[in-house]
Each structure stands twice: as structure tokens, then as C-alpha cells.
Amino acid sequence: MVTKSVLKPASIKLSRAELQAKIDKIFEEATYQNECLVNIYKIIFPNWSRIDKIHGYPVVGCKLWLYICKKFIEFNAKHHPECTNGIWLNNGFSSSRTLKNWEIDMSQCSVTYYN
């Protein structure tokens, strides 16, 4: 029998430089948009392999959201010029002007984990 538990995710404490380096590496190494998206989520949810479902979305500062969005635009222009940036717009994080530019707020989401 598979058991599950719903928990608030842990806060992520990365500096702007650390976060930017991780994001840049993701886009340098990926071939497809979905790889980029999943690997960005893995930064925020380090126990990715234990996750059954994420409820809600992480909320990030506007500069971080725009940085990731621009990375998707550049990635698609290079690898998939026929594609739009829909994966980030439809499945990426929310953004808020009330947060600092590179801040990540996990209070609006919870995660169902496999035990």
C-alpha cells in the first residue's frame, strides 16, 4: 500500500548568484523545454522523486520570473523556433511585486509526498 502525506515545502535559501548559476546550467544542458521546467522545479523541490502532486505554485519576485522567462525565450529560439514560450507561462511559478526581486515564497503551495 502506498501512503502519502501533504506537507508545506521547505524554504529555499539560495543567493541570487547561486540561483542564477543553477538556472543557467539547466538551459545550457537541456534539449527540450520540459527538461528545463522540471529541473527548475527540482531546485525548489529537492525531494522531487518523492512528490506525488504539487498543490499551488511557488511565488517568486518579478526579476527572477522574468529572468527564467527570457531564458525560455532564448532556449526556444535556439532549439525549437517553431515553439512558443507556453510551458513557462502555463506551468511556471507565479510572480509577485510584493517579493524582493529574487525571493521565493513557498507559502502558497503544499506538496503531497509518497512516504
N, C-alpha and C. Protein backbone atom coordinates (compact mmCIF):
# COMPACT_ATOMS: atom_id res chain seq x y z
N MET A 1 0.83 -1.18 0.00
CA MET A 1 0.00 0.00 0.00
C MET A 1 0.88 1.25 0.00
N VAL A 2 0.56 2.19 -0.87
CA VAL A 2 1.30 3.44 -0.95
C VAL A 2 0.65 4.44 -0.02
N THR A 3 1.45 5.02 0.87
CA THR A 3 0.92 6.06 1.74
C THR A 3 1.45 7.41 1.27
N LYS A 4 0.66 8.45 1.55
CA LYS A 4 1.03 9.79 1.13
C LYS A 4 0.82 10.75 2.28
N SER A 5 1.57 11.84 2.25
CA SER A 5 1.37 12.89 3.25
C SER A 5 1.48 14.24 2.56
N VAL A 6 0.64 15.18 3.00
CA VAL A 6 0.64 16.54 2.45
C VAL A 6 1.38 17.44 3.42
N LEU A 7 2.41 18.10 2.92
CA LEU A 7 3.24 18.97 3.75
C LEU A 7 3.54 20.28 3.03
N LYS A 8 3.88 21.28 3.82
CA LYS A 8 4.40 22.52 3.25
C LYS A 8 5.84 22.26 2.83
N PRO A 9 6.23 22.72 1.63
CA PRO A 9 7.62 22.51 1.22
C PRO A 9 8.57 23.38 2.04
N ALA A 10 9.81 22.95 2.12
CA ALA A 10 10.84 23.70 2.83
C ALA A 10 11.18 24.98 2.06
N SER A 11 11.58 26.00 2.77
CA SER A 11 12.03 27.23 2.12
C SER A 11 13.39 27.00 1.48
N ILE A 12 13.61 27.64 0.37
CA ILE A 12 14.87 27.54 -0.34
C ILE A 12 15.67 28.81 -0.09
N LYS A 13 16.86 28.65 0.40
CA LYS A 13 17.73 29.79 0.70
C LYS A 13 18.94 29.77 -0.22
N LEU A 14 18.79 30.35 -1.39
CA LEU A 14 19.89 30.47 -2.33
C LEU A 14 20.11 31.94 -2.65
N SER A 15 21.35 32.31 -2.81
CA SER A 15 21.65 33.69 -3.21
C SER A 15 21.25 33.87 -4.67
N ARG A 16 21.17 35.11 -5.09
CA ARG A 16 20.86 35.40 -6.50
C ARG A 16 21.90 34.71 -7.40
N ALA A 17 23.16 34.82 -7.06
CA ALA A 17 24.22 34.23 -7.88
C ALA A 17 24.09 32.71 -7.97
N GLU A 18 23.78 32.06 -6.85
CA GLU A 18 23.62 30.60 -6.84
C GLU A 18 22.41 30.19 -7.70
N LEU A 19 21.33 30.90 -7.52
CA LEU A 19 20.11 30.60 -8.26
C LEU A 19 20.33 30.83 -9.76
N GLN A 20 20.94 31.94 -10.11
CA GLN A 20 21.20 32.26 -11.50
C GLN A 20 22.13 31.21 -12.14
N ALA A 21 23.15 30.79 -11.42
CA ALA A 21 24.07 29.78 -11.94
C ALA A 21 23.35 28.46 -12.19
N LYS A 22 22.49 28.05 -11.26
CA LYS A 22 21.73 26.80 -11.43
C LYS A 22 20.80 26.89 -12.64
N ILE A 23 20.12 28.01 -12.78
CA ILE A 23 19.20 28.20 -13.91
C ILE A 23 19.97 28.21 -15.23
N ASP A 24 21.07 28.94 -15.27
CA ASP A 24 21.88 28.99 -16.49
C ASP A 24 22.35 27.60 -16.90
N LYS A 25 22.80 26.81 -15.95
CA LYS A 25 23.28 25.45 -16.23
C LYS A 25 22.16 24.58 -16.80
N ILE A 26 20.97 24.72 -16.26
CA ILE A 26 19.81 23.96 -16.75
C ILE A 26 19.60 24.23 -18.23
N PHE A 27 19.59 25.50 -18.61
CA PHE A 27 19.33 25.85 -20.00
C PHE A 27 20.49 25.49 -20.92
N GLU A 28 21.70 25.47 -20.41
CA GLU A 28 22.86 25.07 -21.21
C GLU A 28 22.85 23.58 -21.52
N GLU A 29 22.35 22.77 -20.59
CA GLU A 29 22.43 21.32 -20.72
C GLU A 29 21.18 20.66 -21.31
N ALA A 30 20.06 21.35 -21.32
CA ALA A 30 18.80 20.74 -21.75
C ALA A 30 18.65 20.74 -23.26
N THR A 31 17.79 19.84 -23.71
CA THR A 31 17.44 19.75 -25.12
C THR A 31 16.00 20.18 -25.35
N TYR A 32 15.15 19.96 -24.37
CA TYR A 32 13.72 20.24 -24.51
C TYR A 32 13.22 21.16 -23.39
N GLN A 33 12.16 21.89 -23.69
CA GLN A 33 11.55 22.80 -22.72
C GLN A 33 11.15 22.09 -21.43
N ASN A 34 10.55 20.91 -21.56
CA ASN A 34 10.08 20.21 -20.36
C ASN A 34 11.23 19.84 -19.43
N GLU A 35 12.41 19.55 -19.98
CA GLU A 35 13.59 19.28 -19.15
C GLU A 35 13.92 20.52 -18.32
N CYS A 36 13.88 21.66 -18.97
CA CYS A 36 14.18 22.92 -18.27
C CYS A 36 13.19 23.14 -17.14
N LEU A 37 11.91 22.99 -17.45
CA LEU A 37 10.88 23.24 -16.45
C LEU A 37 11.02 22.30 -15.26
N VAL A 38 11.17 21.02 -15.51
CA VAL A 38 11.29 20.04 -14.42
C VAL A 38 12.53 20.34 -13.58
N ASN A 39 13.64 20.65 -14.23
CA ASN A 39 14.87 20.92 -13.47
C ASN A 39 14.80 22.21 -12.68
N ILE A 40 14.04 23.18 -13.14
CA ILE A 40 13.81 24.39 -12.34
C ILE A 40 12.99 24.03 -11.10
N TYR A 41 11.97 23.23 -11.30
CA TYR A 41 11.17 22.77 -10.16
C TYR A 41 12.02 21.98 -9.17
N LYS A 42 12.97 21.20 -9.67
CA LYS A 42 13.84 20.42 -8.78
C LYS A 42 14.71 21.31 -7.90
N ILE A 43 15.02 22.50 -8.35
CA ILE A 43 15.76 23.45 -7.49
C ILE A 43 14.90 23.80 -6.28
N ILE A 44 13.65 24.04 -6.52
CA ILE A 44 12.72 24.49 -5.48
C ILE A 44 12.22 23.33 -4.62
N PHE A 45 12.10 22.16 -5.22
CA PHE A 45 11.61 20.97 -4.53
C PHE A 45 12.69 19.88 -4.59
N PRO A 46 13.67 19.93 -3.70
CA PRO A 46 14.79 18.98 -3.76
C PRO A 46 14.39 17.51 -3.58
N ASN A 47 13.25 17.23 -3.00
CA ASN A 47 12.77 15.84 -2.84
C ASN A 47 11.86 15.45 -4.00
N TRP A 48 12.20 15.90 -5.18
CA TRP A 48 11.37 15.73 -6.37
C TRP A 48 10.90 14.29 -6.58
N SER A 49 11.76 13.34 -6.38
CA SER A 49 11.41 11.94 -6.65
C SER A 49 10.34 11.41 -5.69
N ARG A 50 10.11 12.08 -4.59
CA ARG A 50 9.10 11.65 -3.61
C ARG A 50 7.76 12.34 -3.82
N ILE A 51 7.67 13.27 -4.78
CA ILE A 51 6.46 14.08 -4.93
C ILE A 51 5.42 13.36 -5.78
N ASP A 52 4.20 13.33 -5.25
CA ASP A 52 3.05 12.83 -6.00
C ASP A 52 2.35 13.99 -6.69
N LYS A 53 2.15 15.11 -5.96
CA LYS A 53 1.44 16.25 -6.53
C LYS A 53 1.84 17.53 -5.81
N ILE A 54 1.98 18.60 -6.58
CA ILE A 54 2.21 19.93 -6.02
C ILE A 54 0.89 20.68 -6.11
N HIS A 55 0.47 21.23 -5.00
CA HIS A 55 -0.78 22.00 -4.93
C HIS A 55 -0.42 23.47 -4.89
N GLY A 56 -0.85 24.23 -5.88
CA GLY A 56 -0.48 25.64 -5.97
C GLY A 56 0.87 25.78 -6.65
N TYR A 57 1.38 27.00 -6.62
CA TYR A 57 2.65 27.30 -7.29
C TYR A 57 3.55 28.10 -6.36
N PRO A 58 4.85 27.91 -6.47
CA PRO A 58 5.75 28.82 -5.77
C PRO A 58 5.55 30.22 -6.35
N VAL A 59 5.77 31.22 -5.53
CA VAL A 59 5.67 32.60 -5.97
C VAL A 59 7.06 33.20 -5.88
N VAL A 60 7.48 33.88 -6.93
CA VAL A 60 8.82 34.44 -6.97
C VAL A 60 8.76 35.94 -7.29
N GLY A 61 9.86 36.61 -6.98
CA GLY A 61 9.97 38.02 -7.31
C GLY A 61 9.96 38.22 -8.82
N CYS A 62 9.59 39.42 -9.25
CA CYS A 62 9.41 39.70 -10.67
C CYS A 62 10.70 39.53 -11.48
N LYS A 63 11.83 39.94 -10.95
CA LYS A 63 13.08 39.81 -11.71
C LYS A 63 13.44 38.34 -11.94
N LEU A 64 13.24 37.51 -10.93
CA LEU A 64 13.51 36.08 -11.10
C LEU A 64 12.58 35.49 -12.13
N TRP A 65 11.30 35.82 -12.07
CA TRP A 65 10.33 35.30 -13.02
C TRP A 65 10.71 35.72 -14.44
N LEU A 66 11.04 36.99 -14.62
CA LEU A 66 11.42 37.49 -15.94
C LEU A 66 12.73 36.86 -16.44
N TYR A 67 13.67 36.64 -15.53
CA TYR A 67 14.93 36.01 -15.91
C TYR A 67 14.67 34.63 -16.50
N ILE A 68 13.85 33.85 -15.81
CA ILE A 68 13.54 32.50 -16.29
C ILE A 68 12.76 32.57 -17.60
N CYS A 69 11.82 33.48 -17.69
CA CYS A 69 11.02 33.63 -18.91
C CYS A 69 11.93 33.95 -20.10
N LYS A 70 12.86 34.86 -19.92
CA LYS A 70 13.79 35.22 -21.00
C LYS A 70 14.68 34.04 -21.38
N LYS A 71 15.07 33.24 -20.39
CA LYS A 71 15.86 32.04 -20.69
C LYS A 71 15.05 31.07 -21.56
N PHE A 72 13.76 30.92 -21.29
CA PHE A 72 12.92 30.07 -22.13
C PHE A 72 12.80 30.63 -23.54
N ILE A 73 12.65 31.93 -23.67
CA ILE A 73 12.55 32.56 -24.99
C ILE A 73 13.83 32.30 -25.79
N GLU A 74 14.98 32.52 -25.17
CA GLU A 74 16.26 32.29 -25.84
C GLU A 74 16.43 30.80 -26.19
N PHE A 75 16.08 29.94 -25.25
CA PHE A 75 16.19 28.49 -25.46
C PHE A 75 15.35 28.05 -26.65
N ASN A 76 14.11 28.51 -26.70
CA ASN A 76 13.21 28.11 -27.78
C ASN A 76 13.67 28.66 -29.12
N ALA A 77 14.20 29.88 -29.14
CA ALA A 77 14.70 30.44 -30.39
C ALA A 77 15.84 29.60 -30.95
N LYS A 78 16.65 29.05 -30.06
CA LYS A 78 17.80 28.24 -30.47
C LYS A 78 17.42 26.81 -30.81
N HIS A 79 16.65 26.16 -29.95
CA HIS A 79 16.37 24.73 -30.08
C HIS A 79 15.05 24.41 -30.77
N HIS A 80 14.07 25.25 -30.58
CA HIS A 80 12.73 24.96 -31.10
C HIS A 80 12.06 26.24 -31.58
N PRO A 81 12.54 26.81 -32.69
CA PRO A 81 12.00 28.10 -33.14
C PRO A 81 10.51 28.06 -33.48
N GLU A 82 9.98 26.87 -33.71
CA GLU A 82 8.55 26.75 -34.01
C GLU A 82 7.67 26.78 -32.76
N CYS A 83 8.28 26.68 -31.58
CA CYS A 83 7.54 26.63 -30.32
C CYS A 83 7.40 28.01 -29.69
N THR A 84 6.37 28.13 -28.90
CA THR A 84 6.19 29.35 -28.12
C THR A 84 6.71 29.12 -26.71
N ASN A 85 6.61 30.12 -25.88
CA ASN A 85 7.08 30.05 -24.50
C ASN A 85 5.99 29.55 -23.56
N GLY A 86 5.03 28.82 -24.07
CA GLY A 86 3.87 28.42 -23.29
C GLY A 86 4.14 27.59 -22.06
N ILE A 87 5.17 26.75 -22.08
CA ILE A 87 5.39 25.86 -20.94
C ILE A 87 5.64 26.65 -19.65
N TRP A 88 6.42 27.72 -19.73
CA TRP A 88 6.69 28.53 -18.54
C TRP A 88 5.47 29.34 -18.15
N LEU A 89 4.78 29.91 -19.13
CA LEU A 89 3.60 30.72 -18.84
C LEU A 89 2.48 29.87 -18.23
N ASN A 90 2.35 28.65 -18.71
CA ASN A 90 1.26 27.78 -18.24
C ASN A 90 1.60 26.96 -17.01
N ASN A 91 2.88 26.63 -16.80
CA ASN A 91 3.26 25.72 -15.73
C ASN A 91 4.36 26.24 -14.83
N GLY A 92 4.83 27.43 -15.08
CA GLY A 92 5.90 28.00 -14.27
C GLY A 92 5.37 28.58 -12.97
N PHE A 93 6.22 29.27 -12.28
CA PHE A 93 5.88 29.87 -11.00
C PHE A 93 5.02 31.11 -11.19
N SER A 94 4.33 31.50 -10.14
CA SER A 94 3.64 32.78 -10.10
C SER A 94 4.66 33.84 -9.71
N SER A 95 4.32 35.09 -9.94
CA SER A 95 5.21 36.17 -9.52
C SER A 95 4.43 37.21 -8.72
N SER A 96 5.17 37.97 -7.93
CA SER A 96 4.54 38.99 -7.11
C SER A 96 5.48 40.18 -6.93
N ARG A 97 4.93 41.36 -7.08
CA ARG A 97 5.71 42.58 -6.85
C ARG A 97 5.96 42.84 -5.36
N THR A 98 5.27 42.11 -4.51
CA THR A 98 5.47 42.30 -3.07
C THR A 98 6.72 41.58 -2.57
N LEU A 99 7.28 40.70 -3.40
CA LEU A 99 8.51 39.98 -3.03
C LEU A 99 9.73 40.73 -3.55
N LYS A 100 10.86 40.48 -2.91
CA LYS A 100 12.12 41.01 -3.43
C LYS A 100 12.38 40.36 -4.78
N ASN A 101 13.20 40.98 -5.59
CA ASN A 101 13.41 40.56 -6.98
C ASN A 101 13.74 39.08 -7.17
N TRP A 102 14.55 38.50 -6.31
CA TRP A 102 14.97 37.10 -6.46
C TRP A 102 14.47 36.23 -5.30
N GLU A 103 13.47 36.69 -4.61
CA GLU A 103 12.90 35.96 -3.47
C GLU A 103 11.96 34.85 -3.97
N ILE A 104 11.89 33.77 -3.20
CA ILE A 104 10.99 32.65 -3.48
C ILE A 104 10.09 32.44 -2.27
N ASP A 105 8.79 32.45 -2.49
CA ASP A 105 7.82 32.26 -1.42
C ASP A 105 7.08 30.95 -1.66
N MET A 106 7.16 30.05 -0.71
CA MET A 106 6.53 28.74 -0.84
C MET A 106 5.21 28.64 -0.06
N SER A 107 4.77 29.74 0.54
CA SER A 107 3.60 29.68 1.42
C SER A 107 2.29 29.39 0.69
N GLN A 108 2.26 29.57 -0.61
CA GLN A 108 1.02 29.35 -1.37
C GLN A 108 0.91 27.94 -1.94
N CYS A 109 1.84 27.08 -1.58
CA CYS A 109 1.75 25.71 -2.11
C CYS A 109 1.99 24.69 -1.01
N SER A 110 1.50 23.50 -1.30
CA SER A 110 1.77 22.35 -0.45
C SER A 110 2.09 21.20 -1.38
N VAL A 111 2.62 20.13 -0.83
CA VAL A 111 3.08 19.01 -1.65
C VAL A 111 2.57 17.71 -1.04
N THR A 112 2.04 16.85 -1.88
CA THR A 112 1.71 15.50 -1.47
C THR A 112 2.91 14.63 -1.81
N TYR A 113 3.50 14.05 -0.75
CA TYR A 113 4.67 13.20 -0.92
C TYR A 113 4.29 11.74 -0.77
N TYR A 114 4.98 10.88 -1.51
CA TYR A 114 4.90 9.45 -1.25
C TYR A 114 5.75 9.19 0.00
N ASN A 115 5.29 8.38 0.88
CA ASN A 115 6.07 8.03 2.07
C ASN A 115 6.92 6.82 1.83
